[in-house]
Amino acid sequence: MSGSRGVSRGARPSRVGSLIERFALAPASPAPLAALRIGLATVLLVQAALIAPAFLELYGRQGILQGPLREAFGRLALPGIGWMADRLAPLGIDEASVLVGTGALYALSLVALLCGLWTRAAALLSWSTHRMLMVTADTTLYGADLFANIFLFYLIWVPAGATLSLDRWRRARDPGRAPGEPTSAARLGLRVVQLHLCIAYLASGLEKARGASWWNGEAIWRSLMLPEYRQLDFSWLAWHPFIAQAAGWTVLAVEIGYAFLIWPRLTRRAVIVATALLHLGIAAFMGLGVFGALMPVFTLAAFGVPADARAPSPSRPAARTDLPGVPGG
C-alpha cells in the first residue's frame, strides 16, 4: 500500500509538468502571431499617415512643445531624436534631417513588417524607431503607444513571419521544416501574448473597481464630457444616470472577466465581441481611434485565430491523444 501511495504522489508532479509543458510548448500554428504582426503594422501605418502632416510640430524642438519645455516635462530618461541630433550636428546633419530620416525608417520598417519581409529585423527596427519617437514626444503618450511598443518588442522574438509573409515565400523551397508548420516557439510566443493581455485587462479592471467612480457612473460621465475627449453631446445623461452607471458596470465586467472567460471555448467568442465593442465605443465616443483599433487586433489575433496544430495528413503519423488536454490556442 505504501509503495502504491508513493507512485501516486510521484505521478501527480509529472502530470502537472505534462500539463504545463503542453500549455506552453505544444506545437502551434504561427497564424495568430502573423495576424498580430499584420494587424499591428496596419494600425501603426495608419497612425503614421495621420500624424505625418504635423510630424515636425510634434517631434521637433521648435514645434508645439519646444526644446526646453519638452525636456522639462519629459518623463522617459532615454535617448530621443534630440539626443541623436546633437551627436550628428558636428557632421553637418541638422535636426530636421534626423527627424525625417527616423520617420522614414519607421514607416519603411512597418511596411516590411506588414509584408513579413526580414520579419525579425523589421520588428527590431520598428520597435527601436517607435521607442525613439515615444521618448521624443513622451508628453503625448497614452496607452496605445505603450501597448504598441510592447507588442512590437514581442514580434522581435516570436516566429511571426513563419506564415502569411514574404519570408515564407522566400524559404518555401528550403530543405528542413516547412514554413508555417506548427512549432513550440509559436506556442510559447502566443502564450506570452495571451497572458500579457489577461494580466493587463485584469489589472485595469481591478484598479477601476477600487474606486467609486466606475460603480456610480461618474467615470463614464467624465470620459464623455471632458472637452479633450468629447465627441458628441451626452449632457442628457444627467437626467438618466442609471445608463452611465450600467455602462461603468459593463466595463468592469468585461475587463475583470476577460482573464477568466477568454479561455473556455464556450465563452471565448462572446468575450472577443464584447472587448471589440468596448474599444470601438472608446474610439467613437472619446476619439481615441488608434487605441480603439489596436486592442481588438490584439485580442482577435491572440484568441480568435486558430492556433491548434493541423490535422495529420495520411503520410504523417497521428499525434498521441492520450495526454491530458489544456485550453486551446
C-alpha atoms as a PDB file:
ATOM      1  CA  MET A   1       0.000   0.000   0.000  1.00  0.00           C
ATOM      2  CA  SER A   2       2.745   2.453   0.918  1.00  0.00           C
ATOM      3  CA  GLY A   3       4.501   1.725  -2.371  1.00  0.00           C
ATOM      4  CA  SER A   4       1.360   2.467  -4.383  1.00  0.00           C
ATOM      5  CA  ARG A   5       0.866   5.747  -2.481  1.00  0.00           C
ATOM      6  CA  GLY A   6       4.421   6.773  -3.336  1.00  0.00           C
ATOM      7  CA  VAL A   7       3.843   6.038  -7.009  1.00  0.00           C
ATOM      8  CA  SER A   8       0.596   8.028  -6.917  1.00  0.00           C
ATOM      9  CA  ARG A   9       2.269  11.007  -5.269  1.00  0.00           C
ATOM     10  CA  GLY A  10       5.116  10.880  -7.757  1.00  0.00           C
ATOM     11  CA  ALA A  11       2.699  10.737 -10.683  1.00  0.00           C
ATOM     12  CA  ARG A  12       0.984  13.982  -9.710  1.00  0.00           C
ATOM     13  CA  PRO A  13       4.020  16.249 -10.279  1.00  0.00           C
ATOM     14  CA  SER A  14       4.709  14.549 -13.602  1.00  0.00           C
ATOM     15  CA  ARG A  15       1.093  15.049 -14.647  1.00  0.00           C
ATOM     16  CA  VAL A  16       1.241  18.731 -13.674  1.00  0.00           C
ATOM     17  CA  GLY A  17       4.539  19.081 -15.517  1.00  0.00           C
ATOM     18  CA  SER A  18       2.987  17.486 -18.590  1.00  0.00           C
ATOM     19  CA  LEU A  19       0.057  19.907 -18.450  1.00  0.00           C
ATOM     20  CA  ILE A  20       2.388  22.911 -18.152  1.00  0.00           C
ATOM     21  CA  GLU A  21       4.567  21.634 -20.977  1.00  0.00           C
ATOM     22  CA  ARG A  22       1.592  21.125 -23.262  1.00  0.00           C
ATOM     23  CA  PHE A  23       0.142  24.524 -22.340  1.00  0.00           C
ATOM     24  CA  ALA A  24       3.389  26.380 -23.044  1.00  0.00           C
ATOM     25  CA  LEU A  25       5.202  24.268 -25.636  1.00  0.00           C
ATOM     26  CA  ALA A  26       2.762  22.070 -27.561  1.00  0.00           C
ATOM     27  CA  PRO A  27       3.346  22.860 -31.260  1.00  0.00           C
ATOM     28  CA  ALA A  28       1.048  25.609 -32.509  1.00  0.00           C
ATOM     29  CA  SER A  29       0.407  27.301 -35.809  1.00  0.00           C
ATOM     30  CA  PRO A  30       2.173  30.659 -36.283  1.00  0.00           C
ATOM     31  CA  ALA A  31      -1.022  32.080 -37.838  1.00  0.00           C
ATOM     32  CA  PRO A  32      -2.082  34.043 -34.681  1.00  0.00           C
ATOM     33  CA  LEU A  33       1.353  35.664 -34.480  1.00  0.00           C
ATOM     34  CA  ALA A  34       1.200  36.517 -38.179  1.00  0.00           C
ATOM     35  CA  ALA A  35      -2.225  38.073 -37.609  1.00  0.00           C
ATOM     36  CA  LEU A  36      -0.763  40.099 -34.738  1.00  0.00           C
ATOM     37  CA  ARG A  37       2.072  41.276 -36.994  1.00  0.00           C
ATOM     38  CA  ILE A  38      -0.228  42.276 -39.841  1.00  0.00           C
ATOM     39  CA  GLY A  39      -2.828  43.944 -37.628  1.00  0.00           C
ATOM     40  CA  LEU A  40      -0.332  45.891 -35.523  1.00  0.00           C
ATOM     41  CA  ALA A  41       1.666  47.083 -38.542  1.00  0.00           C
ATOM     42  CA  THR A  42      -1.524  48.155 -40.344  1.00  0.00           C
ATOM     43  CA  VAL A  43      -2.807  50.233 -37.419  1.00  0.00           C
ATOM     44  CA  LEU A  44       0.582  51.865 -36.856  1.00  0.00           C
ATOM     45  CA  LEU A  45       0.927  52.714 -40.552  1.00  0.00           C
ATOM     46  CA  VAL A  46      -2.490  54.392 -40.453  1.00  0.00           C
ATOM     47  CA  GLN A  47      -1.420  56.288 -37.335  1.00  0.00           C
ATOM     48  CA  ALA A  48       1.812  57.344 -39.059  1.00  0.00           C
ATOM     49  CA  ALA A  49      -0.135  58.628 -42.057  1.00  0.00           C
ATOM     50  CA  LEU A  50      -2.418  60.638 -39.761  1.00  0.00           C
ATOM     51  CA  ILE A  51       0.423  62.357 -37.899  1.00  0.00           C
ATOM     52  CA  ALA A  52       2.705  62.843 -40.921  1.00  0.00           C
ATOM     53  CA  PRO A  53       1.397  66.356 -41.740  1.00  0.00           C
ATOM     54  CA  ALA A  54       2.243  67.512 -38.193  1.00  0.00           C
ATOM     55  CA  PHE A  55       5.367  65.401 -37.769  1.00  0.00           C
ATOM     56  CA  LEU A  56       7.859  68.251 -37.306  1.00  0.00           C
ATOM     57  CA  GLU A  57       5.487  70.136 -34.994  1.00  0.00           C
ATOM     58  CA  LEU A  58       5.078  67.090 -32.756  1.00  0.00           C
ATOM     59  CA  TYR A  59       8.690  65.926 -32.608  1.00  0.00           C
ATOM     60  CA  GLY A  60      10.859  68.942 -33.447  1.00  0.00           C
ATOM     61  CA  ARG A  61      12.462  71.202 -30.857  1.00  0.00           C
ATOM     62  CA  GLN A  62      10.796  74.210 -32.465  1.00  0.00           C
ATOM     63  CA  GLY A  63       7.415  72.516 -32.603  1.00  0.00           C
ATOM     64  CA  ILE A  64       4.342  72.752 -30.410  1.00  0.00           C
ATOM     65  CA  LEU A  65       6.293  71.886 -27.255  1.00  0.00           C
ATOM     66  CA  GLN A  66       9.693  73.485 -27.738  1.00  0.00           C
ATOM     67  CA  GLY A  67      13.031  72.074 -26.642  1.00  0.00           C
ATOM     68  CA  PRO A  68      13.475  73.343 -23.049  1.00  0.00           C
ATOM     69  CA  LEU A  69       9.823  72.734 -22.180  1.00  0.00           C
ATOM     70  CA  ARG A  70       9.867  69.285 -23.720  1.00  0.00           C
ATOM     71  CA  GLU A  71      12.916  68.355 -21.686  1.00  0.00           C
ATOM     72  CA  ALA A  72      11.388  69.831 -18.510  1.00  0.00           C
ATOM     73  CA  PHE A  73       8.171  67.852 -18.906  1.00  0.00           C
ATOM     74  CA  GLY A  74       9.821  64.696 -20.215  1.00  0.00           C
ATOM     75  CA  ARG A  75       9.191  61.508 -18.258  1.00  0.00           C
ATOM     76  CA  LEU A  76      11.356  58.943 -20.077  1.00  0.00           C
ATOM     77  CA  ALA A  77      15.060  59.393 -19.373  1.00  0.00           C
ATOM     78  CA  LEU A  78      16.129  57.630 -22.573  1.00  0.00           C
ATOM     79  CA  PRO A  79      17.865  58.906 -25.739  1.00  0.00           C
ATOM     80  CA  GLY A  80      15.485  60.546 -28.184  1.00  0.00           C
ATOM     81  CA  ILE A  81      15.767  62.275 -31.529  1.00  0.00           C
ATOM     82  CA  GLY A  82      17.168  65.419 -29.891  1.00  0.00           C
ATOM     83  CA  TRP A  83      19.973  63.366 -28.368  1.00  0.00           C
ATOM     84  CA  MET A  84      20.774  61.849 -31.751  1.00  0.00           C
ATOM     85  CA  ALA A  85      20.618  65.243 -33.478  1.00  0.00           C
ATOM     86  CA  ASP A  86      23.135  66.680 -31.002  1.00  0.00           C
ATOM     87  CA  ARG A  87      25.612  63.923 -31.803  1.00  0.00           C
ATOM     88  CA  LEU A  88      25.159  64.185 -35.568  1.00  0.00           C
ATOM     89  CA  ALA A  89      25.350  68.001 -35.613  1.00  0.00           C
ATOM     90  CA  PRO A  90      29.193  68.028 -35.930  1.00  0.00           C
ATOM     91  CA  LEU A  91      28.718  66.106 -39.196  1.00  0.00           C
ATOM     92  CA  GLY A  92      26.500  68.850 -40.584  1.00  0.00           C
ATOM     93  CA  ILE A  93      23.270  66.883 -40.154  1.00  0.00           C
ATOM     94  CA  ASP A  94      20.512  69.079 -38.739  1.00  0.00           C
ATOM     95  CA  GLU A  95      17.594  68.043 -36.574  1.00  0.00           C
ATOM     96  CA  ALA A  96      15.050  68.182 -39.406  1.00  0.00           C
ATOM     97  CA  SER A  97      17.093  65.645 -41.391  1.00  0.00           C
ATOM     98  CA  VAL A  98      17.324  63.347 -38.365  1.00  0.00           C
ATOM     99  CA  LEU A  99      13.563  63.636 -37.829  1.00  0.00           C
ATOM    100  CA  VAL A 100      12.729  62.891 -41.456  1.00  0.00           C
ATOM    101  CA  GLY A 101      15.212  60.014 -41.563  1.00  0.00           C
ATOM    102  CA  THR A 102      13.837  58.458 -38.376  1.00  0.00           C
ATOM    103  CA  GLY A 103      10.259  58.817 -39.592  1.00  0.00           C
ATOM    104  CA  ALA A 104      11.128  57.282 -42.961  1.00  0.00           C
ATOM    105  CA  LEU A 105      12.917  54.343 -41.320  1.00  0.00           C
ATOM    106  CA  TYR A 106       9.928  53.814 -39.044  1.00  0.00           C
ATOM    107  CA  ALA A 107       7.444  53.802 -41.926  1.00  0.00           C
ATOM    108  CA  LEU A 108       9.598  51.534 -44.116  1.00  0.00           C
ATOM    109  CA  SER A 109      10.150  49.088 -41.256  1.00  0.00           C
ATOM    110  CA  LEU A 110       6.390  48.921 -40.687  1.00  0.00           C
ATOM    111  CA  VAL A 111       5.824  48.181 -44.368  1.00  0.00           C
ATOM    112  CA  ALA A 112       8.413  45.390 -44.197  1.00  0.00           C
ATOM    113  CA  LEU A 113       6.770  44.082 -41.017  1.00  0.00           C
ATOM    114  CA  LEU A 114       3.350  44.135 -42.668  1.00  0.00           C
ATOM    115  CA  CYS A 115       4.669  42.161 -45.636  1.00  0.00           C
ATOM    116  CA  GLY A 116       6.722  39.817 -43.459  1.00  0.00           C
ATOM    117  CA  LEU A 117       9.991  40.704 -45.197  1.00  0.00           C
ATOM    118  CA  TRP A 118      13.026  40.066 -42.959  1.00  0.00           C
ATOM    119  CA  THR A 119      10.446  39.992 -40.194  1.00  0.00           C
ATOM    120  CA  ARG A 120      12.649  39.948 -37.104  1.00  0.00           C
ATOM    121  CA  ALA A 121      14.910  42.725 -38.396  1.00  0.00           C
ATOM    122  CA  ALA A 122      11.851  44.760 -39.413  1.00  0.00           C
ATOM    123  CA  ALA A 123      10.326  44.268 -35.959  1.00  0.00           C
ATOM    124  CA  LEU A 124      13.579  45.347 -34.293  1.00  0.00           C
ATOM    125  CA  LEU A 125      13.805  48.481 -36.435  1.00  0.00           C
ATOM    126  CA  SER A 126      10.108  49.270 -35.918  1.00  0.00           C
ATOM    127  CA  TRP A 127      10.421  48.854 -32.163  1.00  0.00           C
ATOM    128  CA  SER A 128      13.604  50.945 -31.851  1.00  0.00           C
ATOM    129  CA  THR A 129      12.375  53.847 -34.017  1.00  0.00           C
ATOM    130  CA  HIS A 130       8.952  53.751 -32.369  1.00  0.00           C
ATOM    131  CA  ARG A 131      10.673  53.859 -28.985  1.00  0.00           C
ATOM    132  CA  MET A 132      12.769  56.845 -30.051  1.00  0.00           C
ATOM    133  CA  LEU A 133       9.686  58.712 -31.237  1.00  0.00           C
ATOM    134  CA  MET A 134       7.946  57.898 -27.961  1.00  0.00           C
ATOM    135  CA  VAL A 135      10.838  59.277 -25.939  1.00  0.00           C
ATOM    136  CA  THR A 136      10.969  62.430 -28.062  1.00  0.00           C
ATOM    137  CA  ALA A 137       7.282  63.265 -27.592  1.00  0.00           C
ATOM    138  CA  ASP A 138       6.526  61.405 -24.373  1.00  0.00           C
ATOM    139  CA  THR A 139       4.149  64.128 -23.140  1.00  0.00           C
ATOM    140  CA  THR A 140       1.714  62.991 -25.859  1.00  0.00           C
ATOM    141  CA  LEU A 141       1.861  59.293 -24.928  1.00  0.00           C
ATOM    142  CA  TYR A 142      -1.095  57.223 -23.815  1.00  0.00           C
ATOM    143  CA  GLY A 143      -1.968  53.549 -23.597  1.00  0.00           C
ATOM    144  CA  ALA A 144      -1.988  52.868 -27.339  1.00  0.00           C
ATOM    145  CA  ASP A 145       1.650  53.908 -27.757  1.00  0.00           C
ATOM    146  CA  LEU A 146       2.815  51.846 -24.784  1.00  0.00           C
ATOM    147  CA  PHE A 147       0.946  48.712 -25.863  1.00  0.00           C
ATOM    148  CA  ALA A 148       2.157  49.086 -29.454  1.00  0.00           C
ATOM    149  CA  ASN A 149       5.777  49.347 -28.330  1.00  0.00           C
ATOM    150  CA  ILE A 150       5.477  46.293 -26.060  1.00  0.00           C
ATOM    151  CA  PHE A 151       3.953  44.126 -28.776  1.00  0.00           C
ATOM    152  CA  LEU A 152       6.482  45.324 -31.359  1.00  0.00           C
ATOM    153  CA  PHE A 153       9.125  44.062 -28.927  1.00  0.00           C
ATOM    154  CA  TYR A 154       7.404  40.666 -28.753  1.00  0.00           C
ATOM    155  CA  LEU A 155       7.456  40.436 -32.564  1.00  0.00           C
ATOM    156  CA  ILE A 156      11.260  40.561 -32.494  1.00  0.00           C
ATOM    157  CA  TRP A 157      11.361  37.173 -30.756  1.00  0.00           C
ATOM    158  CA  VAL A 158       8.317  35.210 -31.922  1.00  0.00           C
ATOM    159  CA  PRO A 159       8.025  33.456 -35.309  1.00  0.00           C
ATOM    160  CA  ALA A 160       5.569  35.995 -36.689  1.00  0.00           C
ATOM    161  CA  GLY A 161       6.995  35.714 -40.194  1.00  0.00           C
ATOM    162  CA  ALA A 162       6.612  31.944 -40.487  1.00  0.00           C
ATOM    163  CA  THR A 163       3.352  32.291 -42.423  1.00  0.00           C
ATOM    164  CA  LEU A 164       1.437  34.896 -44.440  1.00  0.00           C
ATOM    165  CA  SER A 165       4.748  36.573 -45.236  1.00  0.00           C
ATOM    166  CA  LEU A 166       7.341  37.152 -47.922  1.00  0.00           C
ATOM    167  CA  ASP A 167       9.796  35.356 -45.663  1.00  0.00           C
ATOM    168  CA  ARG A 168       7.772  32.169 -46.012  1.00  0.00           C
ATOM    169  CA  TRP A 169       7.618  32.613 -49.764  1.00  0.00           C
ATOM    170  CA  ARG A 170      11.408  33.043 -49.904  1.00  0.00           C
ATOM    171  CA  ARG A 171      12.011  29.958 -47.769  1.00  0.00           C
ATOM    172  CA  ALA A 172       9.366  27.784 -49.388  1.00  0.00           C
ATOM    173  CA  ARG A 173      11.934  25.692 -51.276  1.00  0.00           C
ATOM    174  CA  ASP A 174      14.459  25.433 -48.450  1.00  0.00           C
ATOM    175  CA  PRO A 175      15.043  21.939 -47.001  1.00  0.00           C
ATOM    176  CA  GLY A 176      14.002  21.096 -43.466  1.00  0.00           C
ATOM    177  CA  ARG A 177      10.846  22.137 -41.634  1.00  0.00           C
ATOM    178  CA  ALA A 178       8.196  23.519 -43.918  1.00  0.00           C
ATOM    179  CA  PRO A 179       7.442  27.195 -43.277  1.00  0.00           C
ATOM    180  CA  GLY A 180       4.235  27.699 -41.363  1.00  0.00           C
ATOM    181  CA  GLU A 181       4.345  24.278 -39.714  1.00  0.00           C
ATOM    182  CA  PRO A 182       3.329  24.210 -36.018  1.00  0.00           C
ATOM    183  CA  THR A 183       6.228  24.773 -33.630  1.00  0.00           C
ATOM    184  CA  SER A 184       6.804  25.013 -29.892  1.00  0.00           C
ATOM    185  CA  ALA A 185       8.234  28.516 -30.375  1.00  0.00           C
ATOM    186  CA  ALA A 186       4.934  29.670 -31.857  1.00  0.00           C
ATOM    187  CA  ARG A 187       3.018  28.244 -28.880  1.00  0.00           C
ATOM    188  CA  LEU A 188       5.327  29.869 -26.344  1.00  0.00           C
ATOM    189  CA  GLY A 189       5.163  33.239 -28.097  1.00  0.00           C
ATOM    190  CA  LEU A 190       1.392  33.042 -28.304  1.00  0.00           C
ATOM    191  CA  ARG A 191       1.082  32.186 -24.590  1.00  0.00           C
ATOM    192  CA  VAL A 192       3.220  35.202 -23.664  1.00  0.00           C
ATOM    193  CA  VAL A 193       0.929  37.474 -25.680  1.00  0.00           C
ATOM    194  CA  GLN A 194      -2.223  35.874 -24.275  1.00  0.00           C
ATOM    195  CA  LEU A 195      -1.081  36.049 -20.666  1.00  0.00           C
ATOM    196  CA  HIS A 196       0.055  39.645 -21.095  1.00  0.00           C
ATOM    197  CA  LEU A 197      -3.404  40.630 -22.323  1.00  0.00           C
ATOM    198  CA  CYS A 198      -5.113  38.773 -19.490  1.00  0.00           C
ATOM    199  CA  ILE A 199      -2.927  40.412 -16.843  1.00  0.00           C
ATOM    200  CA  ALA A 200      -3.348  43.859 -18.414  1.00  0.00           C
ATOM    201  CA  TYR A 201      -7.151  43.646 -18.533  1.00  0.00           C
ATOM    202  CA  LEU A 202      -7.410  42.155 -15.056  1.00  0.00           C
ATOM    203  CA  ALA A 203      -5.120  44.791 -13.541  1.00  0.00           C
ATOM    204  CA  SER A 204      -7.018  47.579 -15.284  1.00  0.00           C
ATOM    205  CA  GLY A 205     -10.391  46.226 -14.154  1.00  0.00           C
ATOM    206  CA  LEU A 206      -9.330  45.716 -10.553  1.00  0.00           C
ATOM    207  CA  GLU A 207      -7.807  49.208 -10.410  1.00  0.00           C
ATOM    208  CA  LYS A 208     -11.068  50.696 -11.684  1.00  0.00           C
ATOM    209  CA  ALA A 209     -13.088  48.628  -9.206  1.00  0.00           C
ATOM    210  CA  ARG A 210     -11.149  50.064  -6.245  1.00  0.00           C
ATOM    211  CA  GLY A 211     -12.798  53.478  -6.617  1.00  0.00           C
ATOM    212  CA  ALA A 212     -16.420  54.540  -6.627  1.00  0.00           C
ATOM    213  CA  SER A 213     -16.416  56.396  -9.959  1.00  0.00           C
ATOM    214  CA  TRP A 214     -16.845  53.277 -12.091  1.00  0.00           C
ATOM    215  CA  TRP A 215     -19.610  51.956  -9.855  1.00  0.00           C
ATOM    216  CA  ASN A 216     -21.691  55.127  -9.761  1.00  0.00           C
ATOM    217  CA  GLY A 217     -21.157  56.143 -13.408  1.00  0.00           C
ATOM    218  CA  GLU A 218     -19.031  59.231 -12.736  1.00  0.00           C
ATOM    219  CA  ALA A 219     -16.093  57.869 -14.761  1.00  0.00           C
ATOM    220  CA  ILE A 220     -18.328  57.318 -17.793  1.00  0.00           C
ATOM    221  CA  TRP A 221     -19.768  60.818 -17.446  1.00  0.00           C
ATOM    222  CA  ARG A 222     -16.326  62.423 -17.253  1.00  0.00           C
ATOM    223  CA  SER A 223     -14.976  60.376 -20.154  1.00  0.00           C
ATOM    224  CA  LEU A 224     -17.811  61.507 -22.402  1.00  0.00           C
ATOM    225  CA  MET A 225     -17.999  65.132 -21.274  1.00  0.00           C
ATOM    226  CA  LEU A 226     -14.382  66.275 -20.808  1.00  0.00           C
ATOM    227  CA  PRO A 227     -13.505  68.724 -23.623  1.00  0.00           C
ATOM    228  CA  GLU A 228     -10.409  66.783 -24.724  1.00  0.00           C
ATOM    229  CA  TYR A 229     -12.462  63.611 -25.273  1.00  0.00           C
ATOM    230  CA  ARG A 230     -15.951  64.870 -26.041  1.00  0.00           C
ATOM    231  CA  GLN A 231     -17.168  63.811 -29.485  1.00  0.00           C
ATOM    232  CA  LEU A 232     -20.943  64.059 -29.037  1.00  0.00           C
ATOM    233  CA  ASP A 233     -23.314  65.820 -26.667  1.00  0.00           C
ATOM    234  CA  PHE A 234     -24.061  63.413 -23.815  1.00  0.00           C
ATOM    235  CA  SER A 235     -25.378  66.035 -21.401  1.00  0.00           C
ATOM    236  CA  TRP A 236     -28.716  64.202 -21.434  1.00  0.00           C
ATOM    237  CA  LEU A 237     -27.072  61.522 -19.261  1.00  0.00           C
ATOM    238  CA  ALA A 238     -27.508  63.889 -16.311  1.00  0.00           C
ATOM    239  CA  TRP A 239     -31.232  63.030 -16.395  1.00  0.00           C
ATOM    240  CA  HIS A 240     -30.595  59.299 -16.847  1.00  0.00           C
ATOM    241  CA  PRO A 241     -27.687  58.464 -14.506  1.00  0.00           C
ATOM    242  CA  PHE A 242     -28.520  54.758 -14.449  1.00  0.00           C
ATOM    243  CA  ILE A 243     -27.279  54.491 -18.067  1.00  0.00           C
ATOM    244  CA  ALA A 244     -23.822  55.770 -17.122  1.00  0.00           C
ATOM    245  CA  GLN A 245     -23.846  53.503 -14.077  1.00  0.00           C
ATOM    246  CA  ALA A 246     -24.742  50.454 -16.174  1.00  0.00           C
ATOM    247  CA  ALA A 247     -22.005  51.356 -18.668  1.00  0.00           C
ATOM    248  CA  GLY A 248     -19.458  51.518 -15.840  1.00  0.00           C
ATOM    249  CA  TRP A 249     -20.521  48.111 -14.551  1.00  0.00           C
ATOM    250  CA  THR A 250     -20.224  46.721 -18.088  1.00  0.00           C
ATOM    251  CA  VAL A 251     -16.654  47.997 -18.429  1.00  0.00           C
ATOM    252  CA  LEU A 252     -15.738  46.387 -15.104  1.00  0.00           C
ATOM    253  CA  ALA A 253     -17.358  43.104 -16.105  1.00  0.00           C
ATOM    254  CA  VAL A 254     -15.574  42.964 -19.458  1.00  0.00           C
ATOM    255  CA  GLU A 255     -12.134  43.855 -18.110  1.00  0.00           C
ATOM    256  CA  ILE A 256     -12.214  41.685 -14.982  1.00  0.00           C
ATOM    257  CA  GLY A 257     -13.975  38.810 -16.698  1.00  0.00           C
ATOM    258  CA  TYR A 258     -11.574  38.847 -19.657  1.00  0.00           C
ATOM    259  CA  ALA A 259      -8.812  36.906 -17.901  1.00  0.00           C
ATOM    260  CA  PHE A 260     -11.177  34.110 -16.878  1.00  0.00           C
ATOM    261  CA  LEU A 261     -13.734  33.881 -19.696  1.00  0.00           C
ATOM    262  CA  ILE A 262     -11.436  34.248 -22.711  1.00  0.00           C
ATOM    263  CA  TRP A 263     -10.000  30.732 -22.289  1.00  0.00           C
ATOM    264  CA  PRO A 264     -13.089  28.457 -22.407  1.00  0.00           C
ATOM    265  CA  ARG A 265     -14.282  27.927 -25.955  1.00  0.00           C
ATOM    266  CA  LEU A 266     -17.868  28.345 -24.793  1.00  0.00           C
ATOM    267  CA  THR A 267     -17.377  31.976 -23.762  1.00  0.00           C
ATOM    268  CA  ARG A 268     -14.377  32.990 -25.871  1.00  0.00           C
ATOM    269  CA  ARG A 269     -16.285  34.374 -28.824  1.00  0.00           C
ATOM    270  CA  ALA A 270     -18.558  36.443 -26.596  1.00  0.00           C
ATOM    271  CA  VAL A 271     -15.558  37.955 -24.807  1.00  0.00           C
ATOM    272  CA  ILE A 272     -13.860  38.785 -28.130  1.00  0.00           C
ATOM    273  CA  VAL A 273     -17.017  40.543 -29.341  1.00  0.00           C
ATOM    274  CA  ALA A 274     -17.542  42.369 -26.029  1.00  0.00           C
ATOM    275  CA  THR A 275     -13.913  43.539 -25.973  1.00  0.00           C
ATOM    276  CA  ALA A 276     -14.120  44.761 -29.556  1.00  0.00           C
ATOM    277  CA  LEU A 277     -17.346  46.660 -28.847  1.00  0.00           C
ATOM    278  CA  LEU A 278     -15.805  48.222 -25.729  1.00  0.00           C
ATOM    279  CA  HIS A 279     -12.821  49.591 -27.652  1.00  0.00           C
ATOM    280  CA  LEU A 280     -14.835  50.609 -30.680  1.00  0.00           C
ATOM    281  CA  GLY A 281     -17.008  52.583 -28.268  1.00  0.00           C
ATOM    282  CA  ILE A 282     -13.877  54.258 -26.876  1.00  0.00           C
ATOM    283  CA  ALA A 283     -12.845  55.164 -30.428  1.00  0.00           C
ATOM    284  CA  ALA A 284     -16.276  56.516 -31.368  1.00  0.00           C
ATOM    285  CA  PHE A 285     -17.169  58.393 -28.178  1.00  0.00           C
ATOM    286  CA  MET A 286     -13.739  59.528 -26.953  1.00  0.00           C
ATOM    287  CA  GLY A 287     -11.858  59.972 -30.227  1.00  0.00           C
ATOM    288  CA  LEU A 288      -9.093  57.506 -29.267  1.00  0.00           C
ATOM    289  CA  GLY A 289      -9.082  55.789 -32.625  1.00  0.00           C
ATOM    290  CA  VAL A 290      -5.666  54.137 -32.511  1.00  0.00           C
ATOM    291  CA  PHE A 291      -6.309  52.652 -29.074  1.00  0.00           C
ATOM    292  CA  GLY A 292      -9.776  51.579 -30.170  1.00  0.00           C
ATOM    293  CA  ALA A 293      -8.288  49.727 -33.140  1.00  0.00           C
ATOM    294  CA  LEU A 294      -5.189  48.234 -31.502  1.00  0.00           C
ATOM    295  CA  MET A 295      -6.765  46.420 -28.590  1.00  0.00           C
ATOM    296  CA  PRO A 296      -9.331  44.446 -30.645  1.00  0.00           C
ATOM    297  CA  VAL A 297      -6.483  43.494 -33.017  1.00  0.00           C
ATOM    298  CA  PHE A 298      -4.502  42.077 -30.093  1.00  0.00           C
ATOM    299  CA  THR A 299      -7.441  40.073 -28.741  1.00  0.00           C
ATOM    300  CA  LEU A 300      -8.592  38.812 -32.128  1.00  0.00           C
ATOM    301  CA  ALA A 301      -5.080  37.713 -33.104  1.00  0.00           C
ATOM    302  CA  ALA A 302      -4.280  36.095 -29.749  1.00  0.00           C
ATOM    303  CA  PHE A 303      -7.577  34.321 -29.141  1.00  0.00           C
ATOM    304  CA  GLY A 304      -9.628  34.490 -32.342  1.00  0.00           C
ATOM    305  CA  VAL A 305      -7.206  32.974 -34.861  1.00  0.00           C
ATOM    306  CA  PRO A 306      -6.927  29.164 -34.531  1.00  0.00           C
ATOM    307  CA  ALA A 307      -3.551  28.007 -33.257  1.00  0.00           C
ATOM    308  CA  ASP A 308      -4.124  24.274 -32.875  1.00  0.00           C
ATOM    309  CA  ALA A 309      -1.835  22.007 -34.863  1.00  0.00           C
ATOM    310  CA  ARG A 310      -3.278  20.944 -38.187  1.00  0.00           C
ATOM    311  CA  ALA A 311      -4.819  17.542 -38.592  1.00  0.00           C
ATOM    312  CA  PRO A 312      -2.187  14.983 -39.670  1.00  0.00           C
ATOM    313  CA  SER A 313      -2.039  14.097 -43.321  1.00  0.00           C
ATOM    314  CA  PRO A 314      -2.223  10.401 -44.418  1.00  0.00           C
ATOM    315  CA  SER A 315       1.567  10.367 -44.886  1.00  0.00           C
ATOM    316  CA  ARG A 316       2.229  11.564 -41.326  1.00  0.00           C
ATOM    317  CA  PRO A 317       1.615   9.620 -38.111  1.00  0.00           C
ATOM    318  CA  ALA A 318      -1.190  10.810 -35.889  1.00  0.00           C
ATOM    319  CA  ALA A 319      -0.272  12.628 -32.689  1.00  0.00           C
ATOM    320  CA  ARG A 320      -0.912  11.000 -29.325  1.00  0.00           C
ATOM    321  CA  THR A 321      -4.336  11.672 -27.887  1.00  0.00           C
ATOM    322  CA  ASP A 322      -3.953  10.019 -24.500  1.00  0.00           C
ATOM    323  CA  LEU A 323      -2.375  13.039 -22.811  1.00  0.00           C
ATOM    324  CA  PRO A 324      -4.461  15.458 -20.758  1.00  0.00           C
ATOM    325  CA  GLY A 325      -5.770  18.493 -22.645  1.00  0.00           C
ATOM    326  CA  VAL A 326      -5.209  22.138 -21.938  1.00  0.00           C
ATOM    327  CA  PRO A 327      -7.079  25.288 -23.012  1.00  0.00           C
ATOM    328  CA  GLY A 328      -6.924  25.726 -26.746  1.00  0.00           C
ATOM    329  CA  GLY A 329      -4.944  28.383 -28.556  1.00  0.00           C
END
